[in-house]
């Protein structure tokens, strides 16, 4: 692999990707500003179903509670994922 190809791959890995998912809120931590969600597969990122913590705004943290089923959009960049929109499922 050339140096240019290596740099391109590294740049692609750092690019932010928007994705959508549904899941169940496992926990909410206002102190750290994180919502832990057990979510289904995320095809946009080729992720299997898993449970993970997402960064969230204080308003988003206050809007959900453990056990609640939600649909959400998030931005993933490297190992950081930040919720951009979250809503209870109907």
PDB file of N, CA and C in Angstrom:
ATOM      1  N   UNK A   1       0.849  -1.172   0.000  1.00  0.00           N
ATOM      2  CA  UNK A   1       0.000   0.000   0.000  1.00  0.00           C
ATOM      3  C   UNK A   1       0.893   1.233   0.000  1.00  0.00           C
ATOM      4  N   UNK A   2       0.534   2.182  -0.829  1.00  0.00           N
ATOM      5  CA  UNK A   2       1.336   3.393  -0.890  1.00  0.00           C
ATOM      6  C   UNK A   2       1.048   4.291   0.316  1.00  0.00           C
ATOM      7  N   UNK A   3       1.941   5.240   0.562  1.00  0.00           N
ATOM      8  CA  UNK A   3       1.737   6.182   1.673  1.00  0.00           C
ATOM      9  C   UNK A   3       0.460   6.994   1.450  1.00  0.00           C
ATOM     10  N   UNK A   4       0.194   7.375   0.221  1.00  0.00           N
ATOM     11  CA  UNK A   4      -1.016   8.155  -0.094  1.00  0.00           C
ATOM     12  C   UNK A   4      -2.276   7.345   0.218  1.00  0.00           C
ATOM     13  N   UNK A   5      -2.260   6.043  -0.130  1.00  0.00           N
ATOM     14  CA  UNK A   5      -3.417   5.184   0.168  1.00  0.00           C
ATOM     15  C   UNK A   5      -3.602   5.037   1.669  1.00  0.00           C
ATOM     16  N   UNK A   6      -2.515   4.899   2.396  1.00  0.00           N
ATOM     17  CA  UNK A   6      -2.574   4.778   3.851  1.00  0.00           C
ATOM     18  C   UNK A   6      -3.168   6.040   4.472  1.00  0.00           C
ATOM     19  N   UNK A   7      -2.718   7.208   4.010  1.00  0.00           N
ATOM     20  CA  UNK A   7      -3.248   8.476   4.530  1.00  0.00           C
ATOM     21  C   UNK A   7      -4.733   8.617   4.210  1.00  0.00           C
ATOM     22  N   UNK A   8      -5.137   8.170   3.008  1.00  0.00           N
ATOM     23  CA  UNK A   8      -6.550   8.239   2.626  1.00  0.00           C
ATOM     24  C   UNK A   8      -7.389   7.366   3.559  1.00  0.00           C
ATOM     25  N   UNK A   9      -6.940   6.160   3.869  1.00  0.00           N
ATOM     26  CA  UNK A   9      -7.675   5.280   4.775  1.00  0.00           C
ATOM     27  C   UNK A   9      -7.766   5.900   6.159  1.00  0.00           C
ATOM     28  N   UNK A  10      -6.685   6.469   6.636  1.00  0.00           N
ATOM     29  CA  UNK A  10      -6.685   7.096   7.963  1.00  0.00           C
ATOM     30  C   UNK A  10      -7.646   8.273   7.978  1.00  0.00           C
ATOM     31  N   UNK A  11      -7.666   9.037   6.903  1.00  0.00           N
ATOM     32  CA  UNK A  11      -8.599  10.168   6.815  1.00  0.00           C
ATOM     33  C   UNK A  11     -10.031   9.704   6.793  1.00  0.00           C
ATOM     34  N   UNK A  12     -10.319   8.629   6.066  1.00  0.00           N
ATOM     35  CA  UNK A  12     -11.675   8.088   6.009  1.00  0.00           C
ATOM     36  C   UNK A  12     -12.117   7.602   7.381  1.00  0.00           C
ATOM     37  N   UNK A  13     -11.214   7.012   8.147  1.00  0.00           N
ATOM     38  CA  UNK A  13     -11.559   6.502   9.465  1.00  0.00           C
ATOM     39  C   UNK A  13     -11.907   7.629  10.425  1.00  0.00           C
ATOM     40  N   UNK A  14     -11.376   8.833  10.191  1.00  0.00           N
ATOM     41  CA  UNK A  14     -11.638   9.953  11.077  1.00  0.00           C
ATOM     42  C   UNK A  14     -12.854  10.773  10.652  1.00  0.00           C
ATOM     43  N   UNK A  15     -13.376  10.526   9.452  1.00  0.00           N
ATOM     44  CA  UNK A  15     -14.526  11.286   8.975  1.00  0.00           C
ATOM     45  C   UNK A  15     -15.761  10.922   9.787  1.00  0.00           C
ATOM     46  N   UNK A  16     -16.563  11.909  10.103  1.00  0.00           N
ATOM     47  CA  UNK A  16     -17.788  11.666  10.854  1.00  0.00           C
ATOM     48  C   UNK A  16     -18.832  11.061   9.934  1.00  0.00           C
ATOM     49  N   UNK A  17     -19.590  10.115  10.464  1.00  0.00           N
ATOM     50  CA  UNK A  17     -20.649   9.460   9.716  1.00  0.00           C
ATOM     51  C   UNK A  17     -21.949   9.576  10.494  1.00  0.00           C
ATOM     52  N   UNK A  18     -23.004   9.977   9.806  1.00  0.00           N
ATOM     53  CA  UNK A  18     -24.324  10.047  10.425  1.00  0.00           C
ATOM     54  C   UNK A  18     -25.015   8.702  10.242  1.00  0.00           C
ATOM     55  N   UNK A  19     -25.753   8.269  11.275  1.00  0.00           N
ATOM     56  CA  UNK A  19     -26.464   6.998  11.201  1.00  0.00           C
ATOM     57  C   UNK A  19     -27.732   7.082  12.036  1.00  0.00           C
ATOM     58  N   UNK A  20     -28.630   6.136  11.799  1.00  0.00           N
ATOM     59  CA  UNK A  20     -29.865   6.036  12.559  1.00  0.00           C
ATOM     60  C   UNK A  20     -29.972   4.638  13.148  1.00  0.00           C
ATOM     61  N   UNK A  21     -30.655   4.534  14.298  1.00  0.00           N
ATOM     62  CA  UNK A  21     -30.845   3.235  14.917  1.00  0.00           C
ATOM     63  C   UNK A  21     -32.058   3.283  15.844  1.00  0.00           C
ATOM     64  N   UNK A  22     -32.473   2.109  16.276  1.00  0.00           N
ATOM     65  CA  UNK A  22     -33.509   1.995  17.290  1.00  0.00           C
ATOM     66  C   UNK A  22     -32.958   1.113  18.403  1.00  0.00           C
ATOM     67  N   UNK A  23     -33.480   1.298  19.598  1.00  0.00           N
ATOM     68  CA  UNK A  23     -33.008   0.479  20.701  1.00  0.00           C
ATOM     69  C   UNK A  23     -33.745   0.775  21.982  1.00  0.00           C
ATOM     70  N   UNK A  24     -33.210   0.226  23.066  1.00  0.00           N
ATOM     71  CA  UNK A  24     -33.789   0.399  24.393  1.00  0.00           C
ATOM     72  C   UNK A  24     -32.773   1.095  25.283  1.00  0.00           C
ATOM     73  N   UNK A  25     -33.207   2.152  25.961  1.00  0.00           N
ATOM     74  CA  UNK A  25     -32.327   2.875  26.877  1.00  0.00           C
ATOM     75  C   UNK A  25     -32.011   1.962  28.062  1.00  0.00           C
ATOM     76  N   UNK A  26     -30.736   1.721  28.283  1.00  0.00           N
ATOM     77  CA  UNK A  26     -30.288   0.897  29.414  1.00  0.00           C
ATOM     78  C   UNK A  26     -30.033   1.754  30.645  1.00  0.00           C
ATOM     79  N   UNK A  27     -29.391   2.926  30.435  1.00  0.00           N
ATOM     80  CA  UNK A  27     -29.114   3.832  31.557  1.00  0.00           C
ATOM     81  C   UNK A  27     -28.910   5.245  31.038  1.00  0.00           C
ATOM     82  N   UNK A  28     -29.088   6.186  31.962  1.00  0.00           N
ATOM     83  CA  UNK A  28     -28.932   7.601  31.652  1.00  0.00           C
ATOM     84  C   UNK A  28     -28.025   8.187  32.729  1.00  0.00           C
ATOM     85  N   UNK A  29     -26.957   8.869  32.332  1.00  0.00           N
ATOM     86  CA  UNK A  29     -26.019   9.449  33.290  1.00  0.00           C
ATOM     87  C   UNK A  29     -25.880  10.938  33.018  1.00  0.00           C
ATOM     88  N   UNK A  30     -26.625  11.730  33.789  1.00  0.00           N
ATOM     89  CA  UNK A  30     -26.594  13.185  33.608  1.00  0.00           C
ATOM     90  C   UNK A  30     -25.212  13.744  33.940  1.00  0.00           C
ATOM     91  N   UNK A  31     -24.502  13.124  34.881  1.00  0.00           N
ATOM     92  CA  UNK A  31     -23.179  13.602  35.287  1.00  0.00           C
ATOM     93  C   UNK A  31     -22.154  13.572  34.170  1.00  0.00           C
ATOM     94  N   UNK A  32     -22.198  12.521  33.367  1.00  0.00           N
ATOM     95  CA  UNK A  32     -21.240  12.395  32.265  1.00  0.00           C
ATOM     96  C   UNK A  32     -21.855  12.801  30.923  1.00  0.00           C
ATOM     97  N   UNK A  33     -23.171  13.038  30.902  1.00  0.00           N
ATOM     98  CA  UNK A  33     -23.834  13.405  29.653  1.00  0.00           C
ATOM     99  C   UNK A  33     -23.876  12.255  28.672  1.00  0.00           C
ATOM    100  N   UNK A  34     -24.203  11.046  29.179  1.00  0.00           N
ATOM    101  CA  UNK A  34     -24.240   9.876  28.305  1.00  0.00           C
ATOM    102  C   UNK A  34     -25.517   9.084  28.505  1.00  0.00           C
ATOM    103  N   UNK A  35     -25.984   8.523  27.389  1.00  0.00           N
ATOM    104  CA  UNK A  35     -27.136   7.629  27.392  1.00  0.00           C
ATOM    105  C   UNK A  35     -26.634   6.291  26.856  1.00  0.00           C
ATOM    106  N   UNK A  36     -26.833   5.213  27.619  1.00  0.00           N
ATOM    107  CA  UNK A  36     -26.437   3.883  27.164  1.00  0.00           C
ATOM    108  C   UNK A  36     -27.656   3.221  26.546  1.00  0.00           C
ATOM    109  N   UNK A  37     -27.481   2.752  25.312  1.00  0.00           N
ATOM    110  CA  UNK A  37     -28.587   2.175  24.547  1.00  0.00           C
ATOM    111  C   UNK A  37     -28.186   0.804  24.008  1.00  0.00           C
ATOM    112  N   UNK A  38     -29.082  -0.183  24.192  1.00  0.00           N
ATOM    113  CA  UNK A  38     -28.937  -1.491  23.551  1.00  0.00           C
ATOM    114  C   UNK A  38     -29.630  -1.344  22.200  1.00  0.00           C
ATOM    115  N   UNK A  39     -28.851  -1.238  21.128  1.00  0.00           N
ATOM    116  CA  UNK A  39     -29.424  -0.960  19.817  1.00  0.00           C
ATOM    117  C   UNK A  39     -29.254  -2.128  18.854  1.00  0.00           C
ATOM    118  N   UNK A  40     -30.069  -2.108  17.828  1.00  0.00           N
ATOM    119  CA  UNK A  40     -29.978  -3.109  16.775  1.00  0.00           C
ATOM    120  C   UNK A  40     -28.814  -2.809  15.848  1.00  0.00           C
ATOM    121  N   UNK A  41     -28.664  -3.610  14.798  1.00  0.00           N
ATOM    122  CA  UNK A  41     -27.584  -3.381  13.836  1.00  0.00           C
ATOM    123  C   UNK A  41     -27.686  -1.988  13.199  1.00  0.00           C
ATOM    124  N   UNK A  42     -26.529  -1.400  12.900  1.00  0.00           N
ATOM    125  CA  UNK A  42     -26.475  -0.096  12.236  1.00  0.00           C
ATOM    126  C   UNK A  42     -25.789  -0.333  10.888  1.00  0.00           C
ATOM    127  N   UNK A  43     -26.612  -0.484   9.855  1.00  0.00           N
ATOM    128  CA  UNK A  43     -26.074  -0.835   8.533  1.00  0.00           C
ATOM    129  C   UNK A  43     -25.133   0.223   7.977  1.00  0.00           C
ATOM    130  N   UNK A  44     -25.420   1.508   8.232  1.00  0.00           N
ATOM    131  CA  UNK A  44     -24.588   2.588   7.690  1.00  0.00           C
ATOM    132  C   UNK A  44     -23.136   2.477   8.161  1.00  0.00           C
ATOM    133  N   UNK A  45     -22.930   1.890   9.341  1.00  0.00           N
ATOM    134  CA  UNK A  45     -21.582   1.761   9.889  1.00  0.00           C
ATOM    135  C   UNK A  45     -21.093   0.313   9.917  1.00  0.00           C
ATOM    136  N   UNK A  46     -21.952  -0.593   9.431  1.00  0.00           N
ATOM    137  CA  UNK A  46     -21.645  -2.025   9.445  1.00  0.00           C
ATOM    138  C   UNK A  46     -21.415  -2.524  10.869  1.00  0.00           C
ATOM    139  N   UNK A  47     -22.213  -2.007  11.825  1.00  0.00           N
ATOM    140  CA  UNK A  47     -22.126  -2.425  13.226  1.00  0.00           C
ATOM    141  C   UNK A  47     -23.161  -3.505  13.494  1.00  0.00           C
ATOM    142  N   UNK A  48     -22.802  -4.508  14.288  1.00  0.00           N
ATOM    143  CA  UNK A  48     -23.808  -5.471  14.740  1.00  0.00           C
ATOM    144  C   UNK A  48     -24.616  -4.846  15.887  1.00  0.00           C
ATOM    145  N   UNK A  49     -25.643  -5.540  16.301  1.00  0.00           N
ATOM    146  CA  UNK A  49     -26.393  -5.094  17.482  1.00  0.00           C
ATOM    147  C   UNK A  49     -25.437  -5.102  18.672  1.00  0.00           C
ATOM    148  N   UNK A  50     -25.548  -4.081  19.546  1.00  0.00           N
ATOM    149  CA  UNK A  50     -24.684  -3.999  20.733  1.00  0.00           C
ATOM    150  C   UNK A  50     -25.260  -3.001  21.721  1.00  0.00           C
ATOM    151  N   UNK A  51     -24.653  -2.939  22.882  1.00  0.00           N
ATOM    152  CA  UNK A  51     -25.003  -1.945  23.888  1.00  0.00           C
ATOM    153  C   UNK A  51     -23.826  -1.009  24.030  1.00  0.00           C
ATOM    154  N   UNK A  52     -24.092   0.295  23.908  1.00  0.00           N
ATOM    155  CA  UNK A  52     -22.998   1.260  24.017  1.00  0.00           C
ATOM    156  C   UNK A  52     -23.505   2.593  24.538  1.00  0.00           C
ATOM    157  N   UNK A  53     -22.583   3.382  25.061  1.00  0.00           N
ATOM    158  CA  UNK A  53     -22.904   4.714  25.584  1.00  0.00           C
ATOM    159  C   UNK A  53     -22.681   5.753  24.499  1.00  0.00           C
ATOM    160  N   UNK A  54     -23.623   6.666  24.378  1.00  0.00           N
ATOM    161  CA  UNK A  54     -23.549   7.764  23.418  1.00  0.00           C
ATOM    162  C   UNK A  54     -23.487   9.077  24.169  1.00  0.00           C
ATOM    163  N   UNK A  55     -22.699  10.013  23.678  1.00  0.00           N
ATOM    164  CA  UNK A  55     -22.706  11.361  24.243  1.00  0.00           C
ATOM    165  C   UNK A  55     -24.049  11.990  23.902  1.00  0.00           C
ATOM    166  N   UNK A  56     -24.574  12.816  24.836  1.00  0.00           N
ATOM    167  CA  UNK A  56     -25.875  13.438  24.619  1.00  0.00           C
ATOM    168  C   UNK A  56     -25.922  14.787  25.321  1.00  0.00           C
ATOM    169  N   UNK A  57     -26.777  15.665  24.811  1.00  0.00           N
ATOM    170  CA  UNK A  57     -26.948  16.981  25.435  1.00  0.00           C
ATOM    171  C   UNK A  57     -27.762  16.825  26.723  1.00  0.00           C
ATOM    172  N   UNK A  58     -27.684  17.792  27.618  1.00  0.00           N
ATOM    173  CA  UNK A  58     -28.490  17.725  28.847  1.00  0.00           C
ATOM    174  C   UNK A  58     -29.984  17.564  28.552  1.00  0.00           C
ATOM    175  N   UNK A  59     -30.479  18.207  27.506  1.00  0.00           N
ATOM    176  CA  UNK A  59     -31.890  18.094  27.138  1.00  0.00           C
ATOM    177  C   UNK A  59     -32.223  16.672  26.686  1.00  0.00           C
ATOM    178  N   UNK A  60     -31.328  16.063  25.926  1.00  0.00           N
ATOM    179  CA  UNK A  60     -31.549  14.690  25.472  1.00  0.00           C
ATOM    180  C   UNK A  60     -31.516  13.723  26.647  1.00  0.00           C
ATOM    181  N   UNK A  61     -30.569  13.915  27.554  1.00  0.00           N
ATOM    182  CA  UNK A  61     -30.465  13.062  28.740  1.00  0.00           C
ATOM    183  C   UNK A  61     -31.760  13.134  29.546  1.00  0.00           C
ATOM    184  N   UNK A  62     -32.308  14.339  29.701  1.00  0.00           N
ATOM    185  CA  UNK A  62     -33.525  14.533  30.488  1.00  0.00           C
ATOM    186  C   UNK A  62     -34.770  13.990  29.786  1.00  0.00           C
ATOM    187  N   UNK A  63     -34.695  13.754  28.472  1.00  0.00           N
ATOM    188  CA  UNK A  63     -35.884  13.366  27.709  1.00  0.00           C
ATOM    189  C   UNK A  63     -36.161  11.869  27.676  1.00  0.00           C
ATOM    190  N   UNK A  64     -35.234  11.054  28.195  1.00  0.00           N
ATOM    191  CA  UNK A  64     -35.421   9.599  28.151  1.00  0.00           C
ATOM    192  C   UNK A  64     -35.191   8.986  29.523  1.00  0.00           C
ATOM    193  N   UNK A  65     -35.663   7.727  29.665  1.00  0.00           N
ATOM    194  CA  UNK A  65     -35.460   7.017  30.927  1.00  0.00           C
ATOM    195  C   UNK A  65     -35.181   5.548  30.628  1.00  0.00           C
ATOM    196  N   UNK A  66     -34.512   4.854  31.538  1.00  0.00           N
ATOM    197  CA  UNK A  66     -34.201   3.438  31.324  1.00  0.00           C
ATOM    198  C   UNK A  66     -35.462   2.619  31.029  1.00  0.00           C
ATOM    199  N   UNK A  67     -35.313   1.689  30.103  1.00  0.00           N
ATOM    200  CA  UNK A  67     -36.410   0.822  29.706  1.00  0.00           C
ATOM    201  C   UNK A  67     -37.216   1.357  28.529  1.00  0.00           C
ATOM    202  N   UNK A  68     -37.007   2.606  28.176  1.00  0.00           N
ATOM    203  CA  UNK A  68     -37.757   3.238  27.098  1.00  0.00           C
ATOM    204  C   UNK A  68     -37.190   2.834  25.736  1.00  0.00           C
ATOM    205  N   UNK A  69     -38.077   2.486  24.801  1.00  0.00           N
ATOM    206  CA  UNK A  69     -37.648   2.190  23.433  1.00  0.00           C
ATOM    207  C   UNK A  69     -37.562   3.513  22.683  1.00  0.00           C
ATOM    208  N   UNK A  70     -36.445   3.707  21.963  1.00  0.00           N
ATOM    209  CA  UNK A  70     -36.197   4.971  21.273  1.00  0.00           C
ATOM    210  C   UNK A  70     -35.709   4.740  19.851  1.00  0.00           C
ATOM    211  N   UNK A  71     -35.906   5.769  19.034  1.00  0.00           N
ATOM    212  CA  UNK A  71     -35.250   5.830  17.732  1.00  0.00           C
ATOM    213  C   UNK A  71     -34.358   7.054  17.810  1.00  0.00           C
ATOM    214  N   UNK A  72     -33.160   6.943  17.236  1.00  0.00           N
ATOM    215  CA  UNK A  72     -32.213   8.040  17.372  1.00  0.00           C
ATOM    216  C   UNK A  72     -31.294   8.137  16.178  1.00  0.00           C
ATOM    217  N   UNK A  73     -30.787   9.335  15.983  1.00  0.00           N
ATOM    218  CA  UNK A  73     -29.765   9.605  14.980  1.00  0.00           C
ATOM    219  C   UNK A  73     -28.508   9.988  15.734  1.00  0.00           C
ATOM    220  N   UNK A  74     -27.368   9.635  15.191  1.00  0.00           N
ATOM    221  CA  UNK A  74     -26.122   9.984  15.853  1.00  0.00           C
ATOM    222  C   UNK A  74     -25.016  10.179  14.843  1.00  0.00           C
ATOM    223  N   UNK A  75     -23.986  10.869  15.305  1.00  0.00           N
ATOM    224  CA  UNK A  75     -22.783  11.098  14.512  1.00  0.00           C
ATOM    225  C   UNK A  75     -21.683  10.261  15.127  1.00  0.00           C
ATOM    226  N   UNK A  76     -21.022   9.466  14.316  1.00  0.00           N
ATOM    227  CA  UNK A  76     -19.938   8.620  14.797  1.00  0.00           C
ATOM    228  C   UNK A  76     -18.638   9.077  14.166  1.00  0.00           C
ATOM    229  N   UNK A  77     -17.648   9.328  15.011  1.00  0.00           N
ATOM    230  CA  UNK A  77     -16.324   9.723  14.532  1.00  0.00           C
ATOM    231  C   UNK A  77     -15.307   8.965  15.362  1.00  0.00           C
ATOM    232  N   UNK A  78     -14.632   8.022  14.740  1.00  0.00           N
ATOM    233  CA  UNK A  78     -13.687   7.191  15.474  1.00  0.00           C
ATOM    234  C   UNK A  78     -14.421   6.423  16.563  1.00  0.00           C
ATOM    235  N   UNK A  79     -13.983   6.574  17.795  1.00  0.00           N
ATOM    236  CA  UNK A  79     -14.602   5.877  18.922  1.00  0.00           C
ATOM    237  C   UNK A  79     -15.657   6.730  19.627  1.00  0.00           C
ATOM    238  N   UNK A  80     -15.943   7.920  19.112  1.00  0.00           N
ATOM    239  CA  UNK A  80     -16.926   8.811  19.728  1.00  0.00           C
ATOM    240  C   UNK A  80     -18.222   8.813  18.936  1.00  0.00           C
ATOM    241  N   UNK A  81     -19.325   8.628  19.634  1.00  0.00           N
ATOM    242  CA  UNK A  81     -20.636   8.691  19.001  1.00  0.00           C
ATOM    243  C   UNK A  81     -21.499   9.655  19.800  1.00  0.00           C
ATOM    244  N   UNK A  82     -22.092  10.625  19.102  1.00  0.00           N
ATOM    245  CA  UNK A  82     -22.887  11.669  19.736  1.00  0.00           C
ATOM    246  C   UNK A  82     -24.289  11.686  19.156  1.00  0.00           C
ATOM    247  N   UNK A  83     -25.291  11.613  20.019  1.00  0.00           N
ATOM    248  CA  UNK A  83     -26.682  11.653  19.578  1.00  0.00           C
ATOM    249  C   UNK A  83     -26.994  13.049  19.054  1.00  0.00           C
ATOM    250  N   UNK A  84     -27.637  13.096  17.885  1.00  0.00           N
ATOM    251  CA  UNK A  84     -28.075  14.378  17.325  1.00  0.00           C
ATOM    252  C   UNK A  84     -29.585  14.538  17.452  1.00  0.00           C
ATOM    253  N   UNK A  85     -30.303  13.411  17.550  1.00  0.00           N
ATOM    254  CA  UNK A  85     -31.752  13.435  17.736  1.00  0.00           C
ATOM    255  C   UNK A  85     -32.170  12.133  18.401  1.00  0.00           C
ATOM    256  N   UNK A  86     -33.082  12.207  19.373  1.00  0.00           N
ATOM    257  CA  UNK A  86     -33.590  11.008  20.022  1.00  0.00           C
ATOM    258  C   UNK A  86     -35.052  11.232  20.355  1.00  0.00           C
ATOM    259  N   UNK A  87     -35.872  10.189  20.155  1.00  0.00           N
ATOM    260  CA  UNK A  87     -37.304  10.298  20.431  1.00  0.00           C
ATOM    261  C   UNK A  87     -37.850   8.940  20.840  1.00  0.00           C
ATOM    262  N   UNK A  88     -38.796   8.934  21.778  1.00  0.00           N
ATOM    263  CA  UNK A  88     -39.446   7.674  22.151  1.00  0.00           C
ATOM    264  C   UNK A  88     -40.161   7.083  20.945  1.00  0.00           C
ATOM    265  N   UNK A  89     -40.172   5.757  20.866  1.00  0.00           N
ATOM    266  CA  UNK A  89     -40.893   5.091  19.770  1.00  0.00           C
ATOM    267  C   UNK A  89     -42.367   5.024  20.144  1.00  0.00           C
ATOM    268  N   UNK A  90     -43.210   5.146  19.141  1.00  0.00           N
ATOM    269  CA  UNK A  90     -44.660   5.107  19.353  1.00  0.00           C
ATOM    270  C   UNK A  90     -45.194   3.708  19.192  1.00  0.00           C
TER     271      UNK A  90
END
